[in-house]
């Protein structure tokens, strides 16, 4: 089992994420656009997605909200973002620390 930390995209950034075109390679996310959610242990990101959907349908009062487009899952070594077609690899945005002088 894998421990996933849920990261919910902030309400102000959802629409911008949904409107951006598909890209090749990992998606680049800004940490400041995300709010920390709970940690969940599951065998895959799809199990986390499914479990949260089921809990919301049953109406469990203390259940976290379901994962939606733009939300992310983080493990110790991986970052995944939820898109319309599933989970894709992602990475945190980091400004270039030094530009090479040519």
PDB file of N, CA and C in Angstrom:
ATOM      1  N   UNK A   1       0.837  -1.185   0.000  1.00  0.00           N
ATOM      2  CA  UNK A   1       0.000   0.000   0.000  1.00  0.00           C
ATOM      3  C   UNK A   1       0.879   1.246   0.000  1.00  0.00           C
ATOM      4  N   UNK A   2       0.376   2.270  -0.642  1.00  0.00           N
ATOM      5  CA  UNK A   2       1.105   3.526  -0.806  1.00  0.00           C
ATOM      6  C   UNK A   2       0.367   4.620  -0.040  1.00  0.00           C
ATOM      7  N   UNK A   3       1.107   5.499   0.594  1.00  0.00           N
ATOM      8  CA  UNK A   3       0.501   6.622   1.307  1.00  0.00           C
ATOM      9  C   UNK A   3       0.491   7.834   0.380  1.00  0.00           C
ATOM     10  N   UNK A   4      -0.708   8.309   0.048  1.00  0.00           N
ATOM     11  CA  UNK A   4      -0.893   9.453  -0.841  1.00  0.00           C
ATOM     12  C   UNK A   4      -1.320  10.665  -0.024  1.00  0.00           C
ATOM     13  N   UNK A   5      -0.707  11.803  -0.315  1.00  0.00           N
ATOM     14  CA  UNK A   5      -1.166  13.069   0.259  1.00  0.00           C
ATOM     15  C   UNK A   5      -1.971  13.768  -0.826  1.00  0.00           C
ATOM     16  N   UNK A   6      -3.187  14.166  -0.486  1.00  0.00           N
ATOM     17  CA  UNK A   6      -4.056  14.847  -1.445  1.00  0.00           C
ATOM     18  C   UNK A   6      -3.751  16.334  -1.404  1.00  0.00           C
ATOM     19  N   UNK A   7      -3.639  16.938  -2.570  1.00  0.00           N
ATOM     20  CA  UNK A   7      -3.411  18.377  -2.707  1.00  0.00           C
ATOM     21  C   UNK A   7      -4.529  18.924  -3.591  1.00  0.00           C
ATOM     22  N   UNK A   8      -5.376  19.760  -3.020  1.00  0.00           N
ATOM     23  CA  UNK A   8      -6.501  20.321  -3.760  1.00  0.00           C
ATOM     24  C   UNK A   8      -6.088  21.640  -4.396  1.00  0.00           C
ATOM     25  N   UNK A   9      -6.386  21.785  -5.687  1.00  0.00           N
ATOM     26  CA  UNK A   9      -6.087  23.045  -6.368  1.00  0.00           C
ATOM     27  C   UNK A   9      -7.008  24.130  -5.807  1.00  0.00           C
ATOM     28  N   UNK A  10      -6.483  25.322  -5.639  1.00  0.00           N
ATOM     29  CA  UNK A  10      -7.295  26.408  -5.071  1.00  0.00           C
ATOM     30  C   UNK A  10      -8.403  26.796  -6.048  1.00  0.00           C
ATOM     31  N   UNK A  11      -9.515  27.252  -5.501  1.00  0.00           N
ATOM     32  CA  UNK A  11     -10.673  27.611  -6.327  1.00  0.00           C
ATOM     33  C   UNK A  11     -10.326  28.652  -7.382  1.00  0.00           C
ATOM     34  N   UNK A  12      -9.422  29.559  -7.065  1.00  0.00           N
ATOM     35  CA  UNK A  12      -9.054  30.619  -8.000  1.00  0.00           C
ATOM     36  C   UNK A  12      -8.280  30.090  -9.212  1.00  0.00           C
ATOM     37  N   UNK A  13      -7.692  28.914  -9.109  1.00  0.00           N
ATOM     38  CA  UNK A  13      -6.842  28.387 -10.185  1.00  0.00           C
ATOM     39  C   UNK A  13      -7.480  27.240 -10.973  1.00  0.00           C
ATOM     40  N   UNK A  14      -8.649  26.763 -10.551  1.00  0.00           N
ATOM     41  CA  UNK A  14      -9.266  25.607 -11.214  1.00  0.00           C
ATOM     42  C   UNK A  14      -9.525  25.878 -12.688  1.00  0.00           C
ATOM     43  N   UNK A  15     -10.165  26.986 -13.000  1.00  0.00           N
ATOM     44  CA  UNK A  15     -10.552  27.259 -14.389  1.00  0.00           C
ATOM     45  C   UNK A  15      -9.329  27.393 -15.293  1.00  0.00           C
ATOM     46  N   UNK A  16      -8.285  28.052 -14.826  1.00  0.00           N
ATOM     47  CA  UNK A  16      -7.065  28.195 -15.626  1.00  0.00           C
ATOM     48  C   UNK A  16      -6.451  26.830 -15.912  1.00  0.00           C
ATOM     49  N   UNK A  17      -6.462  25.937 -14.934  1.00  0.00           N
ATOM     50  CA  UNK A  17      -5.916  24.598 -15.144  1.00  0.00           C
ATOM     51  C   UNK A  17      -6.741  23.839 -16.172  1.00  0.00           C
ATOM     52  N   UNK A  18      -8.042  23.925 -16.063  1.00  0.00           N
ATOM     53  CA  UNK A  18      -8.929  23.190 -16.976  1.00  0.00           C
ATOM     54  C   UNK A  18      -8.841  23.685 -18.411  1.00  0.00           C
ATOM     55  N   UNK A  19      -8.524  24.946 -18.603  1.00  0.00           N
ATOM     56  CA  UNK A  19      -8.476  25.521 -19.949  1.00  0.00           C
ATOM     57  C   UNK A  19      -7.127  25.361 -20.643  1.00  0.00           C
ATOM     58  N   UNK A  20      -6.101  24.984 -19.916  1.00  0.00           N
ATOM     59  CA  UNK A  20      -4.788  24.907 -20.560  1.00  0.00           C
ATOM     60  C   UNK A  20      -4.723  23.678 -21.475  1.00  0.00           C
ATOM     61  N   UNK A  21      -3.981  23.801 -22.561  1.00  0.00           N
ATOM     62  CA  UNK A  21      -3.916  22.699 -23.528  1.00  0.00           C
ATOM     63  C   UNK A  21      -3.106  21.516 -23.000  1.00  0.00           C
ATOM     64  N   UNK A  22      -3.358  20.326 -23.552  1.00  0.00           N
ATOM     65  CA  UNK A  22      -2.551  19.159 -23.160  1.00  0.00           C
ATOM     66  C   UNK A  22      -1.085  19.417 -23.482  1.00  0.00           C
ATOM     67  N   UNK A  23      -0.221  18.810 -22.715  1.00  0.00           N
ATOM     68  CA  UNK A  23       1.212  19.007 -22.933  1.00  0.00           C
ATOM     69  C   UNK A  23       1.911  17.675 -22.999  1.00  0.00           C
ATOM     70  N   UNK A  24       3.087  17.688 -23.564  1.00  0.00           N
ATOM     71  CA  UNK A  24       3.920  16.496 -23.554  1.00  0.00           C
ATOM     72  C   UNK A  24       4.857  16.598 -22.367  1.00  0.00           C
ATOM     73  N   UNK A  25       5.145  15.491 -21.762  1.00  0.00           N
ATOM     74  CA  UNK A  25       6.002  15.497 -20.588  1.00  0.00           C
ATOM     75  C   UNK A  25       5.205  15.786 -19.339  1.00  0.00           C
ATOM     76  N   UNK A  26       5.884  15.819 -18.202  1.00  0.00           N
ATOM     77  CA  UNK A  26       5.175  16.040 -16.942  1.00  0.00           C
ATOM     78  C   UNK A  26       4.574  17.435 -16.853  1.00  0.00           C
ATOM     79  N   UNK A  27       3.426  17.514 -16.214  1.00  0.00           N
ATOM     80  CA  UNK A  27       2.801  18.809 -15.962  1.00  0.00           C
ATOM     81  C   UNK A  27       3.632  19.535 -14.911  1.00  0.00           C
ATOM     82  N   UNK A  28       3.692  20.840 -15.019  1.00  0.00           N
ATOM     83  CA  UNK A  28       4.444  21.653 -14.062  1.00  0.00           C
ATOM     84  C   UNK A  28       3.431  22.396 -13.194  1.00  0.00           C
ATOM     85  N   UNK A  29       3.477  22.128 -11.881  1.00  0.00           N
ATOM     86  CA  UNK A  29       2.532  22.702 -10.941  1.00  0.00           C
ATOM     87  C   UNK A  29       3.230  23.672  -9.996  1.00  0.00           C
ATOM     88  N   UNK A  30       2.510  24.686  -9.573  1.00  0.00           N
ATOM     89  CA  UNK A  30       3.044  25.637  -8.586  1.00  0.00           C
ATOM     90  C   UNK A  30       2.464  25.282  -7.224  1.00  0.00           C
ATOM     91  N   UNK A  31       3.329  25.094  -6.265  1.00  0.00           N
ATOM     92  CA  UNK A  31       2.895  24.684  -4.932  1.00  0.00           C
ATOM     93  C   UNK A  31       1.941  25.704  -4.317  1.00  0.00           C
ATOM     94  N   UNK A  32       2.128  26.972  -4.639  1.00  0.00           N
ATOM     95  CA  UNK A  32       1.273  28.016  -4.070  1.00  0.00           C
ATOM     96  C   UNK A  32      -0.174  27.933  -4.555  1.00  0.00           C
ATOM     97  N   UNK A  33      -0.437  27.164  -5.613  1.00  0.00           N
ATOM     98  CA  UNK A  33      -1.791  27.005  -6.143  1.00  0.00           C
ATOM     99  C   UNK A  33      -2.555  25.869  -5.466  1.00  0.00           C
ATOM    100  N   UNK A  34      -1.932  25.188  -4.515  1.00  0.00           N
ATOM    101  CA  UNK A  34      -2.521  23.996  -3.901  1.00  0.00           C
ATOM    102  C   UNK A  34      -2.681  24.131  -2.400  1.00  0.00           C
ATOM    103  N   UNK A  35      -3.755  23.515  -1.899  1.00  0.00           N
ATOM    104  CA  UNK A  35      -4.038  23.462  -0.468  1.00  0.00           C
ATOM    105  C   UNK A  35      -3.863  22.025  -0.011  1.00  0.00           C
ATOM    106  N   UNK A  36      -3.257  21.838   1.146  1.00  0.00           N
ATOM    107  CA  UNK A  36      -3.045  20.491   1.667  1.00  0.00           C
ATOM    108  C   UNK A  36      -4.363  19.835   2.032  1.00  0.00           C
ATOM    109  N   UNK A  37      -4.447  18.562   1.687  1.00  0.00           N
ATOM    110  CA  UNK A  37      -5.584  17.741   2.068  1.00  0.00           C
ATOM    111  C   UNK A  37      -5.097  16.606   2.942  1.00  0.00           C
ATOM    112  N   UNK A  38      -5.941  15.630   3.188  1.00  0.00           N
ATOM    113  CA  UNK A  38      -5.554  14.516   4.053  1.00  0.00           C
ATOM    114  C   UNK A  38      -4.630  13.530   3.349  1.00  0.00           C
ATOM    115  N   UNK A  39      -4.099  12.606   4.114  1.00  0.00           N
ATOM    116  CA  UNK A  39      -3.309  11.501   3.568  1.00  0.00           C
ATOM    117  C   UNK A  39      -4.178  10.252   3.585  1.00  0.00           C
ATOM    118  N   UNK A  40      -4.066   9.463   2.526  1.00  0.00           N
ATOM    119  CA  UNK A  40      -4.845   8.230   2.384  1.00  0.00           C
ATOM    120  C   UNK A  40      -3.919   7.122   1.916  1.00  0.00           C
ATOM    121  N   UNK A  41      -4.078   5.944   2.479  1.00  0.00           N
ATOM    122  CA  UNK A  41      -3.300   4.786   2.069  1.00  0.00           C
ATOM    123  C   UNK A  41      -4.139   3.963   1.091  1.00  0.00           C
ATOM    124  N   UNK A  42      -3.557   3.668  -0.072  1.00  0.00           N
ATOM    125  CA  UNK A  42      -4.253   2.896  -1.103  1.00  0.00           C
ATOM    126  C   UNK A  42      -3.216   2.221  -1.989  1.00  0.00           C
ATOM    127  N   UNK A  43      -3.671   1.326  -2.856  1.00  0.00           N
ATOM    128  CA  UNK A  43      -2.750   0.612  -3.739  1.00  0.00           C
ATOM    129  C   UNK A  43      -2.444   1.395  -5.012  1.00  0.00           C
ATOM    130  N   UNK A  44      -3.301   2.374  -5.374  1.00  0.00           N
ATOM    131  CA  UNK A  44      -3.070   3.162  -6.589  1.00  0.00           C
ATOM    132  C   UNK A  44      -3.798   4.493  -6.479  1.00  0.00           C
ATOM    133  N   UNK A  45      -3.446   5.456  -7.330  1.00  0.00           N
ATOM    134  CA  UNK A  45      -4.164   6.728  -7.303  1.00  0.00           C
ATOM    135  C   UNK A  45      -5.633   6.549  -7.681  1.00  0.00           C
ATOM    136  N   UNK A  46      -5.921   5.565  -8.523  1.00  0.00           N
ATOM    137  CA  UNK A  46      -7.300   5.333  -8.940  1.00  0.00           C
ATOM    138  C   UNK A  46      -8.141   4.790  -7.787  1.00  0.00           C
ATOM    139  N   UNK A  47      -7.523   4.046  -6.887  1.00  0.00           N
ATOM    140  CA  UNK A  47      -8.244   3.578  -5.706  1.00  0.00           C
ATOM    141  C   UNK A  47      -8.588   4.750  -4.798  1.00  0.00           C
ATOM    142  N   UNK A  48      -7.673   5.704  -4.650  1.00  0.00           N
ATOM    143  CA  UNK A  48      -7.951   6.912  -3.857  1.00  0.00           C
ATOM    144  C   UNK A  48      -9.126   7.654  -4.480  1.00  0.00           C
ATOM    145  N   UNK A  49      -9.085   7.856  -5.781  1.00  0.00           N
ATOM    146  CA  UNK A  49     -10.135   8.562  -6.515  1.00  0.00           C
ATOM    147  C   UNK A  49     -11.485   7.876  -6.306  1.00  0.00           C
ATOM    148  N   UNK A  50     -11.506   6.558  -6.475  1.00  0.00           N
ATOM    149  CA  UNK A  50     -12.739   5.779  -6.339  1.00  0.00           C
ATOM    150  C   UNK A  50     -13.278   5.841  -4.913  1.00  0.00           C
ATOM    151  N   UNK A  51     -12.422   5.659  -3.943  1.00  0.00           N
ATOM    152  CA  UNK A  51     -12.849   5.655  -2.544  1.00  0.00           C
ATOM    153  C   UNK A  51     -13.476   6.993  -2.149  1.00  0.00           C
ATOM    154  N   UNK A  52     -12.855   8.103  -2.564  1.00  0.00           N
ATOM    155  CA  UNK A  52     -13.400   9.416  -2.220  1.00  0.00           C
ATOM    156  C   UNK A  52     -14.731   9.674  -2.917  1.00  0.00           C
ATOM    157  N   UNK A  53     -14.879   9.194  -4.139  1.00  0.00           N
ATOM    158  CA  UNK A  53     -16.168   9.322  -4.845  1.00  0.00           C
ATOM    159  C   UNK A  53     -17.261   8.563  -4.110  1.00  0.00           C
ATOM    160  N   UNK A  54     -16.948   7.337  -3.699  1.00  0.00           N
ATOM    161  CA  UNK A  54     -17.938   6.521  -2.992  1.00  0.00           C
ATOM    162  C   UNK A  54     -18.325   7.146  -1.661  1.00  0.00           C
ATOM    163  N   UNK A  55     -17.342   7.674  -0.930  1.00  0.00           N
ATOM    164  CA  UNK A  55     -17.640   8.298   0.358  1.00  0.00           C
ATOM    165  C   UNK A  55     -18.535   9.521   0.190  1.00  0.00           C
ATOM    166  N   UNK A  56     -18.327  10.280  -0.883  1.00  0.00           N
ATOM    167  CA  UNK A  56     -19.158  11.470  -1.089  1.00  0.00           C
ATOM    168  C   UNK A  56     -20.585  11.083  -1.473  1.00  0.00           C
ATOM    169  N   UNK A  57     -20.755   9.977  -2.188  1.00  0.00           N
ATOM    170  CA  UNK A  57     -22.101   9.520  -2.564  1.00  0.00           C
ATOM    171  C   UNK A  57     -22.881   9.038  -1.341  1.00  0.00           C
ATOM    172  N   UNK A  58     -22.184   8.391  -0.415  1.00  0.00           N
ATOM    173  CA  UNK A  58     -22.821   7.880   0.796  1.00  0.00           C
ATOM    174  C   UNK A  58     -23.127   9.031   1.749  1.00  0.00           C
ATOM    175  N   UNK A  59     -22.378  10.103   1.629  1.00  0.00           N
ATOM    176  CA  UNK A  59     -22.611  11.278   2.463  1.00  0.00           C
ATOM    177  C   UNK A  59     -21.926  11.232   3.815  1.00  0.00           C
ATOM    178  N   UNK A  60     -20.753  10.599   3.869  1.00  0.00           N
ATOM    179  CA  UNK A  60     -20.008  10.576   5.126  1.00  0.00           C
ATOM    180  C   UNK A  60     -19.608  12.003   5.489  1.00  0.00           C
ATOM    181  N   UNK A  61     -19.969  12.408   6.684  1.00  0.00           N
ATOM    182  CA  UNK A  61     -19.791  13.801   7.104  1.00  0.00           C
ATOM    183  C   UNK A  61     -18.339  14.239   7.155  1.00  0.00           C
ATOM    184  N   UNK A  62     -17.434  13.383   7.606  1.00  0.00           N
ATOM    185  CA  UNK A  62     -16.044  13.785   7.767  1.00  0.00           C
ATOM    186  C   UNK A  62     -15.158  13.373   6.587  1.00  0.00           C
ATOM    187  N   UNK A  63     -15.761  12.914   5.500  1.00  0.00           N
ATOM    188  CA  UNK A  63     -14.990  12.467   4.334  1.00  0.00           C
ATOM    189  C   UNK A  63     -14.409  13.661   3.580  1.00  0.00           C
ATOM    190  N   UNK A  64     -13.159  13.541   3.089  1.00  0.00           N
ATOM    191  CA  UNK A  64     -12.596  14.609   2.256  1.00  0.00           C
ATOM    192  C   UNK A  64     -13.372  14.703   0.940  1.00  0.00           C
ATOM    193  N   UNK A  65     -13.301  15.850   0.304  1.00  0.00           N
ATOM    194  CA  UNK A  65     -14.022  15.987  -0.968  1.00  0.00           C
ATOM    195  C   UNK A  65     -13.362  15.121  -2.033  1.00  0.00           C
ATOM    196  N   UNK A  66     -14.125  14.695  -3.027  1.00  0.00           N
ATOM    197  CA  UNK A  66     -13.549  13.863  -4.095  1.00  0.00           C
ATOM    198  C   UNK A  66     -12.464  14.602  -4.870  1.00  0.00           C
ATOM    199  N   UNK A  67     -11.591  13.848  -5.479  1.00  0.00           N
ATOM    200  CA  UNK A  67     -10.524  14.415  -6.301  1.00  0.00           C
ATOM    201  C   UNK A  67     -11.117  14.822  -7.638  1.00  0.00           C
ATOM    202  N   UNK A  68     -10.773  16.023  -8.087  1.00  0.00           N
ATOM    203  CA  UNK A  68     -11.263  16.534  -9.359  1.00  0.00           C
ATOM    204  C   UNK A  68     -10.118  16.923 -10.269  1.00  0.00           C
ATOM    205  N   UNK A  69     -10.463  17.366 -11.457  1.00  0.00           N
ATOM    206  CA  UNK A  69      -9.460  17.803 -12.425  1.00  0.00           C
ATOM    207  C   UNK A  69      -8.656  18.948 -11.826  1.00  0.00           C
ATOM    208  N   UNK A  70      -7.331  18.807 -11.870  1.00  0.00           N
ATOM    209  CA  UNK A  70      -6.429  19.821 -11.329  1.00  0.00           C
ATOM    210  C   UNK A  70      -5.877  19.469  -9.967  1.00  0.00           C
ATOM    211  N   UNK A  71      -6.562  18.596  -9.231  1.00  0.00           N
ATOM    212  CA  UNK A  71      -6.057  18.171  -7.930  1.00  0.00           C
ATOM    213  C   UNK A  71      -4.861  17.240  -8.125  1.00  0.00           C
ATOM    214  N   UNK A  72      -4.040  17.114  -7.105  1.00  0.00           N
ATOM    215  CA  UNK A  72      -2.814  16.318  -7.223  1.00  0.00           C
ATOM    216  C   UNK A  72      -2.703  15.329  -6.065  1.00  0.00           C
ATOM    217  N   UNK A  73      -1.925  14.282  -6.312  1.00  0.00           N
ATOM    218  CA  UNK A  73      -1.586  13.294  -5.290  1.00  0.00           C
ATOM    219  C   UNK A  73      -0.071  13.233  -5.213  1.00  0.00           C
ATOM    220  N   UNK A  74       0.444  13.226  -3.989  1.00  0.00           N
ATOM    221  CA  UNK A  74       1.889  13.198  -3.809  1.00  0.00           C
ATOM    222  C   UNK A  74       2.259  12.019  -2.909  1.00  0.00           C
ATOM    223  N   UNK A  75       3.262  11.273  -3.327  1.00  0.00           N
ATOM    224  CA  UNK A  75       3.856  10.244  -2.490  1.00  0.00           C
ATOM    225  C   UNK A  75       5.270  10.720  -2.190  1.00  0.00           C
ATOM    226  N   UNK A  76       6.040   9.910  -1.525  1.00  0.00           N
ATOM    227  CA  UNK A  76       7.399  10.314  -1.200  1.00  0.00           C
ATOM    228  C   UNK A  76       8.236  10.639  -2.424  1.00  0.00           C
ATOM    229  N   UNK A  77       8.013   9.944  -3.519  1.00  0.00           N
ATOM    230  CA  UNK A  77       8.868  10.129  -4.694  1.00  0.00           C
ATOM    231  C   UNK A  77       8.119  10.495  -5.970  1.00  0.00           C
ATOM    232  N   UNK A  78       6.793  10.616  -5.913  1.00  0.00           N
ATOM    233  CA  UNK A  78       6.028  10.910  -7.122  1.00  0.00           C
ATOM    234  C   UNK A  78       5.000  12.001  -6.863  1.00  0.00           C
ATOM    235  N   UNK A  79       4.731  12.761  -7.930  1.00  0.00           N
ATOM    236  CA  UNK A  79       3.668  13.753  -7.923  1.00  0.00           C
ATOM    237  C   UNK A  79       2.805  13.452  -9.138  1.00  0.00           C
ATOM    238  N   UNK A  80       1.508  13.311  -8.916  1.00  0.00           N
ATOM    239  CA  UNK A  80       0.566  13.005  -9.990  1.00  0.00           C
ATOM    240  C   UNK A  80      -0.527  14.061  -9.989  1.00  0.00           C
ATOM    241  N   UNK A  81      -0.978  14.446 -11.184  1.00  0.00           N
ATOM    242  CA  UNK A  81      -2.062  15.416 -11.291  1.00  0.00           C
ATOM    243  C   UNK A  81      -3.237  14.740 -11.996  1.00  0.00           C
ATOM    244  N   UNK A  82      -4.440  15.044 -11.543  1.00  0.00           N
ATOM    245  CA  UNK A  82      -5.650  14.480 -12.132  1.00  0.00           C
ATOM    246  C   UNK A  82      -6.069  15.329 -13.326  1.00  0.00           C
ATOM    247  N   UNK A  83      -6.174  14.691 -14.478  1.00  0.00           N
ATOM    248  CA  UNK A  83      -6.660  15.332 -15.689  1.00  0.00           C
ATOM    249  C   UNK A  83      -7.956  14.655 -16.107  1.00  0.00           C
ATOM    250  N   UNK A  84      -8.519  15.074 -17.210  1.00  0.00           N
ATOM    251  CA  UNK A  84      -9.773  14.496 -17.695  1.00  0.00           C
ATOM    252  C   UNK A  84      -9.625  13.018 -18.023  1.00  0.00           C
ATOM    253  N   UNK A  85      -8.446  12.578 -18.403  1.00  0.00           N
ATOM    254  CA  UNK A  85      -8.224  11.215 -18.875  1.00  0.00           C
ATOM    255  C   UNK A  85      -7.506  10.340 -17.855  1.00  0.00           C
ATOM    256  N   UNK A  86      -7.242  10.842 -16.668  1.00  0.00           N
ATOM    257  CA  UNK A  86      -6.587  10.031 -15.643  1.00  0.00           C
ATOM    258  C   UNK A  86      -5.511  10.819 -14.917  1.00  0.00           C
ATOM    259  N   UNK A  87      -4.618  10.097 -14.276  1.00  0.00           N
ATOM    260  CA  UNK A  87      -3.518  10.724 -13.536  1.00  0.00           C
ATOM    261  C   UNK A  87      -2.265  10.731 -14.388  1.00  0.00           C
ATOM    262  N   UNK A  88      -1.571  11.860 -14.371  1.00  0.00           N
ATOM    263  CA  UNK A  88      -0.334  12.011 -15.138  1.00  0.00           C
ATOM    264  C   UNK A  88       0.796  12.444 -14.224  1.00  0.00           C
ATOM    265  N   UNK A  89       2.029  12.110 -14.588  1.00  0.00           N
ATOM    266  CA  UNK A  89       3.175  12.593 -13.804  1.00  0.00           C
ATOM    267  C   UNK A  89       3.232  14.121 -13.828  1.00  0.00           C
ATOM    268  N   UNK A  90       3.693  14.670 -12.745  1.00  0.00           N
ATOM    269  CA  UNK A  90       3.832  16.122 -12.629  1.00  0.00           C
ATOM    270  C   UNK A  90       5.097  16.418 -11.837  1.00  0.00           C
ATOM    271  N   UNK A  91       5.465  17.665 -11.836  1.00  0.00           N
ATOM    272  CA  UNK A  91       6.608  18.116 -11.041  1.00  0.00           C
ATOM    273  C   UNK A  91       6.309  19.515 -10.542  1.00  0.00           C
ATOM    274  N   UNK A  92       6.944  19.868  -9.435  1.00  0.00           N
ATOM    275  CA  UNK A  92       6.773  21.210  -8.898  1.00  0.00           C
ATOM    276  C   UNK A  92       7.590  22.197  -9.707  1.00  0.00           C
ATOM    277  N   UNK A  93       7.030  23.376  -9.953  1.00  0.00           N
ATOM    278  CA  UNK A  93       7.726  24.436 -10.661  1.00  0.00           C
ATOM    279  C   UNK A  93       8.827  24.972  -9.773  1.00  0.00           C
ATOM    280  N   UNK A  94       9.986  25.161 -10.365  1.00  0.00           N
ATOM    281  CA  UNK A  94      11.115  25.766  -9.664  1.00  0.00           C
ATOM    282  C   UNK A  94      11.746  26.788 -10.602  1.00  0.00           C
ATOM    283  N   UNK A  95      11.911  28.015 -10.156  1.00  0.00           N
ATOM    284  CA  UNK A  95      12.526  29.019 -11.024  1.00  0.00           C
ATOM    285  C   UNK A  95      13.965  28.627 -11.347  1.00  0.00           C
ATOM    286  N   UNK A  96      14.406  29.034 -12.511  1.00  0.00           N
ATOM    287  CA  UNK A  96      15.806  28.766 -12.880  1.00  0.00           C
ATOM    288  C   UNK A  96      16.719  29.487 -11.905  1.00  0.00           C
ATOM    289  N   UNK A  97      17.605  28.732 -11.294  1.00  0.00           N
ATOM    290  CA  UNK A  97      18.472  29.334 -10.286  1.00  0.00           C
ATOM    291  C   UNK A  97      19.619  30.115 -10.905  1.00  0.00           C
ATOM    292  N   UNK A  98      20.119  29.603 -12.001  1.00  0.00           N
ATOM    293  CA  UNK A  98      21.208  30.300 -12.672  1.00  0.00           C
ATOM    294  C   UNK A  98      21.087  30.089 -14.169  1.00  0.00           C
ATOM    295  N   UNK A  99      21.145  31.160 -14.904  1.00  0.00           N
ATOM    296  CA  UNK A  99      21.119  31.045 -16.357  1.00  0.00           C
ATOM    297  C   UNK A  99      22.538  31.014 -16.869  1.00  0.00           C
ATOM    298  N   UNK A 100      22.770  30.139 -17.833  1.00  0.00           N
ATOM    299  CA  UNK A 100      24.127  30.050 -18.355  1.00  0.00           C
ATOM    300  C   UNK A 100      24.430  31.255 -19.228  1.00  0.00           C
ATOM    301  N   UNK A 101      25.605  31.804 -19.075  1.00  0.00           N
ATOM    302  CA  UNK A 101      26.032  32.964 -19.878  1.00  0.00           C
ATOM    303  C   UNK A 101      26.672  32.450 -21.157  1.00  0.00           C
ATOM    304  N   UNK A 102      26.094  32.828 -22.263  1.00  0.00           N
ATOM    305  CA  UNK A 102      26.663  32.400 -23.562  1.00  0.00           C
ATOM    306  C   UNK A 102      26.951  33.581 -24.429  1.00  0.00           C
TER     307      UNK A 102
END
